[in-house]
Each structure stands twice: as C-alpha cells, then as structure tokens.
Amino acid sequence: MEFLTTVPILFGRPINVWLGIILGVLLLFQIYLGIMMVRRGRMNLLKLHKINATLLLIVALVHAYYGLGIWFFNFGIK
C-alpha cells in the first residue's frame, strides 16, 4: 500500500503545494460569498456557500494528510 504513503508530483511540484493554492482560493471565495450574503442580503447564495464549505473541508483534509505525512511520517515524493 505504497500509494498511501507517497505524495504524487503534479507539474513538477508535490500535490500538497497545489492543494494549498486551491485551498487559499476556496477560502477567499467562501469569504466573498459570506460577505455577499450579509451585506447584500443575497440569501440565494447559501446553497453555494454550503457546497464551497464542503469542498474546503475535503481539500483541507487531503492537504493536511499529505503535509503531515511529509513532515512527520517521511512520506515519499514521487
């Protein structure tokens, strides 16, 4: 089960780097949606806000898995 302890490379960088960038973009979009709902009263964005929150959680968990694996558990990078 080597695939669980190996961090894949995507475009020359480990995937956790790309997941971190995606995480930042999703977080900014989540903040934007929240501001639009509060200031503009556009509650029709609530469904999108919840979907984005789920994506944030999934990406954060995978990012943390690979990041902690590299840092503490000597995951290989291939």
N, C-alpha and C. Protein backbone atom coordinates (compact mmCIF):
# COMPACT_ATOMS: atom_id res chain seq x y z
N MET A 1 0.84 -1.19 0.00
CA MET A 1 0.00 0.00 0.00
C MET A 1 0.88 1.25 0.00
N GLU A 2 1.83 1.23 -0.91
CA GLU A 2 2.76 2.35 -1.01
C GLU A 2 2.08 3.63 -1.47
N PHE A 3 0.98 3.52 -2.21
CA PHE A 3 0.32 4.71 -2.73
C PHE A 3 -0.25 5.59 -1.62
N LEU A 4 -0.47 5.03 -0.43
CA LEU A 4 -0.97 5.83 0.69
C LEU A 4 0.13 6.65 1.35
N THR A 5 1.38 6.26 1.13
CA THR A 5 2.49 6.97 1.77
C THR A 5 3.41 7.63 0.75
N THR A 6 2.90 7.87 -0.44
CA THR A 6 3.67 8.54 -1.48
C THR A 6 2.89 9.75 -1.97
N VAL A 7 3.52 10.90 -1.97
CA VAL A 7 2.90 12.13 -2.42
C VAL A 7 3.16 12.28 -3.93
N PRO A 8 2.09 12.34 -4.73
CA PRO A 8 2.31 12.46 -6.17
C PRO A 8 2.81 13.85 -6.58
N ILE A 9 3.49 13.89 -7.71
CA ILE A 9 4.01 15.13 -8.29
C ILE A 9 3.05 15.56 -9.39
N LEU A 10 2.72 16.84 -9.42
CA LEU A 10 1.86 17.40 -10.46
C LEU A 10 2.52 18.68 -10.96
N PHE A 11 2.85 18.72 -12.24
CA PHE A 11 3.52 19.87 -12.86
C PHE A 11 4.80 20.25 -12.12
N GLY A 12 5.55 19.25 -11.68
CA GLY A 12 6.85 19.49 -11.07
C GLY A 12 6.84 19.83 -9.59
N ARG A 13 5.68 19.86 -8.97
CA ARG A 13 5.57 20.16 -7.54
C ARG A 13 4.74 19.07 -6.85
N PRO A 14 5.00 18.81 -5.56
CA PRO A 14 4.15 17.86 -4.83
C PRO A 14 2.70 18.34 -4.80
N ILE A 15 1.78 17.41 -4.79
CA ILE A 15 0.37 17.76 -4.88
C ILE A 15 -0.11 18.59 -3.70
N ASN A 16 0.54 18.46 -2.54
CA ASN A 16 0.10 19.25 -1.40
C ASN A 16 0.34 20.74 -1.61
N VAL A 17 1.29 21.10 -2.46
CA VAL A 17 1.51 22.52 -2.79
C VAL A 17 0.31 23.04 -3.58
N TRP A 18 -0.12 22.27 -4.59
CA TRP A 18 -1.27 22.67 -5.40
C TRP A 18 -2.55 22.69 -4.57
N LEU A 19 -2.68 21.72 -3.67
CA LEU A 19 -3.87 21.70 -2.80
C LEU A 19 -3.90 22.93 -1.89
N GLY A 20 -2.73 23.39 -1.46
CA GLY A 20 -2.67 24.60 -0.64
C GLY A 20 -3.13 25.83 -1.41
N ILE A 21 -2.74 25.90 -2.68
CA ILE A 21 -3.18 27.03 -3.53
C ILE A 21 -4.69 26.97 -3.74
N ILE A 22 -5.20 25.78 -4.04
CA ILE A 22 -6.65 25.61 -4.21
C ILE A 22 -7.38 25.96 -2.92
N LEU A 23 -6.82 25.56 -1.80
CA LEU A 23 -7.42 25.86 -0.50
C LEU A 23 -7.52 27.36 -0.27
N GLY A 24 -6.48 28.09 -0.63
CA GLY A 24 -6.50 29.55 -0.49
C GLY A 24 -7.58 30.19 -1.35
N VAL A 25 -7.70 29.71 -2.60
CA VAL A 25 -8.73 30.26 -3.49
C VAL A 25 -10.12 29.95 -2.96
N LEU A 26 -10.34 28.71 -2.50
CA LEU A 26 -11.65 28.34 -1.96
C LEU A 26 -11.98 29.16 -0.71
N LEU A 27 -10.99 29.43 0.11
CA LEU A 27 -11.21 30.22 1.31
C LEU A 27 -11.60 31.66 0.97
N LEU A 28 -10.91 32.24 0.00
CA LEU A 28 -11.27 33.60 -0.43
C LEU A 28 -12.68 33.64 -1.02
N PHE A 29 -13.05 32.61 -1.79
CA PHE A 29 -14.39 32.54 -2.36
C PHE A 29 -15.44 32.38 -1.26
N GLN A 30 -15.11 31.62 -0.23
CA GLN A 30 -16.04 31.43 0.90
C GLN A 30 -16.27 32.75 1.64
N ILE A 31 -15.21 33.49 1.84
CA ILE A 31 -15.33 34.80 2.49
C ILE A 31 -16.16 35.74 1.63
N TYR A 32 -15.91 35.74 0.32
CA TYR A 32 -16.68 36.57 -0.60
C TYR A 32 -18.17 36.23 -0.54
N LEU A 33 -18.49 34.94 -0.56
CA LEU A 33 -19.90 34.53 -0.50
C LEU A 33 -20.54 34.99 0.81
N GLY A 34 -19.82 34.85 1.90
CA GLY A 34 -20.35 35.28 3.19
C GLY A 34 -20.62 36.77 3.23
N ILE A 35 -19.70 37.55 2.69
CA ILE A 35 -19.89 39.00 2.65
C ILE A 35 -21.09 39.36 1.79
N MET A 36 -21.21 38.71 0.64
CA MET A 36 -22.34 38.99 -0.25
C MET A 36 -23.67 38.65 0.41
N MET A 37 -23.69 37.59 1.20
CA MET A 37 -24.94 37.21 1.88
C MET A 37 -25.29 38.20 2.99
N VAL A 38 -24.30 38.65 3.74
CA VAL A 38 -24.57 39.53 4.87
C VAL A 38 -24.84 40.96 4.43
N ARG A 39 -23.98 41.50 3.60
CA ARG A 39 -24.11 42.91 3.21
C ARG A 39 -25.20 43.15 2.18
N ARG A 40 -25.33 42.26 1.24
CA ARG A 40 -26.28 42.47 0.14
C ARG A 40 -27.61 41.74 0.37
N GLY A 41 -27.65 40.88 1.37
CA GLY A 41 -28.88 40.16 1.66
C GLY A 41 -29.23 39.12 0.62
N ARG A 42 -28.23 38.61 -0.08
CA ARG A 42 -28.46 37.63 -1.15
C ARG A 42 -28.40 36.22 -0.56
N MET A 43 -29.47 35.83 0.11
CA MET A 43 -29.50 34.53 0.76
C MET A 43 -29.63 33.38 -0.23
N ASN A 44 -29.86 33.68 -1.51
CA ASN A 44 -29.89 32.61 -2.51
C ASN A 44 -28.49 32.00 -2.71
N LEU A 45 -27.47 32.63 -2.18
CA LEU A 45 -26.10 32.11 -2.28
C LEU A 45 -25.78 31.09 -1.19
N LEU A 46 -26.73 30.85 -0.28
CA LEU A 46 -26.47 29.96 0.84
C LEU A 46 -26.12 28.54 0.38
N LYS A 47 -26.80 28.04 -0.65
CA LYS A 47 -26.53 26.70 -1.14
C LYS A 47 -25.10 26.61 -1.67
N LEU A 48 -24.68 27.61 -2.43
CA LEU A 48 -23.32 27.64 -2.96
C LEU A 48 -22.30 27.77 -1.83
N HIS A 49 -22.65 28.53 -0.80
CA HIS A 49 -21.80 28.71 0.37
C HIS A 49 -21.57 27.36 1.07
N LYS A 50 -22.63 26.56 1.18
CA LYS A 50 -22.52 25.26 1.83
C LYS A 50 -21.71 24.28 0.98
N ILE A 51 -21.90 24.31 -0.33
CA ILE A 51 -21.14 23.44 -1.23
C ILE A 51 -19.65 23.79 -1.14
N ASN A 52 -19.36 25.07 -1.14
CA ASN A 52 -17.97 25.51 -1.04
C ASN A 52 -17.36 25.11 0.30
N ALA A 53 -18.15 25.16 1.37
CA ALA A 53 -17.65 24.75 2.68
C ALA A 53 -17.28 23.27 2.68
N THR A 54 -18.07 22.45 2.00
CA THR A 54 -17.78 21.03 1.90
C THR A 54 -16.49 20.80 1.10
N LEU A 55 -16.35 21.50 0.00
CA LEU A 55 -15.11 21.40 -0.79
C LEU A 55 -13.90 21.84 0.03
N LEU A 56 -14.07 22.92 0.79
CA LEU A 56 -12.98 23.39 1.66
C LEU A 56 -12.55 22.30 2.64
N LEU A 57 -13.51 21.66 3.24
CA LEU A 57 -13.21 20.61 4.22
C LEU A 57 -12.47 19.45 3.56
N ILE A 58 -12.94 19.00 2.40
CA ILE A 58 -12.31 17.87 1.71
C ILE A 58 -10.88 18.20 1.30
N VAL A 59 -10.69 19.36 0.68
CA VAL A 59 -9.35 19.75 0.23
C VAL A 59 -8.43 19.96 1.43
N ALA A 60 -8.94 20.54 2.50
CA ALA A 60 -8.12 20.76 3.70
C ALA A 60 -7.68 19.43 4.32
N LEU A 61 -8.56 18.44 4.35
CA LEU A 61 -8.19 17.15 4.92
C LEU A 61 -7.12 16.44 4.08
N VAL A 62 -7.26 16.46 2.76
CA VAL A 62 -6.26 15.82 1.90
C VAL A 62 -4.93 16.58 1.99
N HIS A 63 -5.00 17.91 1.99
CA HIS A 63 -3.80 18.74 2.12
C HIS A 63 -3.09 18.45 3.44
N ALA A 64 -3.85 18.36 4.51
CA ALA A 64 -3.27 18.08 5.83
C ALA A 64 -2.68 16.67 5.88
N TYR A 65 -3.36 15.71 5.27
CA TYR A 65 -2.85 14.33 5.25
C TYR A 65 -1.46 14.28 4.61
N TYR A 66 -1.34 14.86 3.42
CA TYR A 66 -0.04 14.84 2.74
C TYR A 66 0.98 15.71 3.45
N GLY A 67 0.57 16.87 3.92
CA GLY A 67 1.50 17.76 4.61
C GLY A 67 2.06 17.15 5.88
N LEU A 68 1.19 16.60 6.71
CA LEU A 68 1.65 15.96 7.94
C LEU A 68 2.44 14.70 7.64
N GLY A 69 2.05 14.00 6.58
CA GLY A 69 2.80 12.80 6.19
C GLY A 69 4.22 13.12 5.79
N ILE A 70 4.39 14.20 5.04
CA ILE A 70 5.74 14.60 4.64
C ILE A 70 6.54 15.08 5.85
N TRP A 71 5.91 15.86 6.70
CA TRP A 71 6.61 16.50 7.81
C TRP A 71 6.98 15.51 8.92
N PHE A 72 6.02 14.64 9.30
CA PHE A 72 6.24 13.79 10.46
C PHE A 72 6.46 12.31 10.14
N PHE A 73 5.97 11.81 9.03
CA PHE A 73 5.97 10.38 8.78
C PHE A 73 6.81 9.96 7.57
N ASN A 74 7.64 10.86 7.07
CA ASN A 74 8.58 10.57 5.99
C ASN A 74 7.92 9.97 4.76
N PHE A 75 6.80 10.55 4.34
CA PHE A 75 6.18 10.14 3.08
C PHE A 75 7.14 10.40 1.94
N GLY A 76 7.16 9.50 0.98
CA GLY A 76 7.99 9.71 -0.20
C GLY A 76 7.30 10.64 -1.19
N ILE A 77 8.07 11.31 -2.01
CA ILE A 77 7.52 12.19 -3.02
C ILE A 77 7.93 11.65 -4.39
N LYS A 78 6.94 11.23 -5.17
CA LYS A 78 7.22 10.65 -6.48
C LYS A 78 6.31 11.27 -7.51
